[in-house]
Amino acid sequence: MVRAEDVESLTGHPVGGVCPFVVPENASVYLDRSLERYESVFPACGSDNSAIELTPEELFRYAKAKDWVDVCKHWEE
């Protein structure tokens, strides 16, 4: 995870508008596995008031994601 104050300089997008498929060449994109359960997802498109509807598979492809990862800690009772 990137600190909020570093987001724009590292991604080219402000916090709340980070577009996962238009990032600098050296940025690695990983997608949270929790997105796979939805038919559609709505990633930001470069500003805090823009989004696009994609399937999780389209998002993975367009973002040139490296992998699906589990970023949430699951607690067992």
Protein backbone atom coordinates (compact mmCIF):
# COMPACT_ATOMS: atom_id res chain seq x y z
CA MET A 1 0.00 0.00 0.00
CA VAL A 2 1.18 3.48 -0.85
CA ARG A 3 1.03 6.39 1.60
CA ALA A 4 -1.64 8.93 0.58
CA GLU A 5 0.90 11.72 0.20
CA ASP A 6 2.91 9.60 -2.28
CA VAL A 7 0.04 8.35 -4.45
CA GLU A 8 -0.03 11.04 -7.13
CA SER A 9 3.73 11.18 -7.64
CA LEU A 10 3.93 7.38 -7.99
CA THR A 11 0.79 6.72 -10.04
CA GLY A 12 0.09 9.97 -11.86
CA HIS A 13 -3.41 10.09 -10.31
CA PRO A 14 -4.76 11.76 -7.16
CA VAL A 15 -6.08 9.77 -4.20
CA GLY A 16 -9.61 8.64 -5.02
CA GLY A 17 -8.92 8.63 -8.74
CA VAL A 18 -6.13 6.11 -9.20
CA CYS A 19 -6.74 4.40 -12.49
CA PRO A 20 -5.33 0.85 -12.37
CA PHE A 21 -4.84 0.61 -16.11
CA VAL A 22 -3.03 3.89 -16.86
CA VAL A 23 -0.04 3.85 -14.53
CA PRO A 24 3.68 4.35 -15.08
CA GLU A 25 5.46 1.46 -16.81
CA ASN A 26 7.39 0.57 -13.64
CA ALA A 27 4.25 0.29 -11.48
CA SER A 28 3.12 -3.22 -10.62
CA VAL A 29 -0.63 -3.74 -10.37
CA TYR A 30 -2.14 -6.44 -8.17
CA LEU A 31 -5.89 -6.83 -7.78
CA ASP A 32 -7.70 -7.85 -4.61
CA ARG A 33 -9.22 -11.31 -4.95
CA SER A 34 -12.45 -10.01 -3.37
CA LEU A 35 -13.26 -8.28 -6.68
CA GLU A 36 -13.66 -11.64 -8.42
CA ARG A 37 -17.07 -12.24 -6.80
CA TYR A 38 -18.70 -9.33 -8.67
CA GLU A 39 -20.10 -9.34 -12.20
CA SER A 40 -19.02 -5.70 -12.63
CA VAL A 41 -16.51 -3.45 -10.89
CA PHE A 42 -16.13 0.31 -11.19
CA PRO A 43 -12.47 1.40 -11.05
CA ALA A 44 -11.56 5.08 -11.06
CA CYS A 45 -10.46 6.66 -14.32
CA GLY A 46 -7.97 9.30 -13.24
CA SER A 47 -10.07 11.62 -11.08
CA ASP A 48 -12.23 11.35 -7.99
CA ASN A 49 -15.42 11.76 -10.05
CA SER A 50 -14.86 9.30 -12.88
CA ALA A 51 -15.24 5.55 -13.20
CA ILE A 52 -15.75 2.83 -15.78
CA GLU A 53 -17.73 -0.41 -15.58
CA LEU A 54 -15.71 -3.55 -16.30
CA THR A 55 -15.85 -7.21 -15.49
CA PRO A 56 -13.12 -8.34 -13.10
CA GLU A 57 -11.50 -10.23 -15.99
CA GLU A 58 -11.47 -7.10 -18.17
CA LEU A 59 -9.96 -5.10 -15.31
CA PHE A 60 -7.22 -7.71 -14.88
CA ARG A 61 -6.43 -7.63 -18.60
CA TYR A 62 -6.55 -3.84 -19.07
CA ALA A 63 -4.55 -3.20 -15.89
CA LYS A 64 -1.93 -5.72 -17.01
CA ALA A 65 -2.19 -6.99 -13.46
CA LYS A 66 0.51 -9.34 -12.25
CA ASP A 67 -1.81 -11.45 -10.10
CA TRP A 68 -4.85 -11.65 -7.84
CA VAL A 69 -3.92 -11.26 -4.17
CA ASP A 70 -5.76 -11.44 -0.88
CA VAL A 71 -5.13 -8.10 0.84
CA CYS A 72 -7.72 -8.62 3.58
CA LYS A 73 -6.88 -10.38 6.79
CA HIS A 74 -9.46 -13.04 7.51
CA TRP A 75 -10.27 -13.74 11.13
CA GLU A 76 -11.43 -17.16 12.13
CA GLU A 77 -13.71 -17.47 15.13
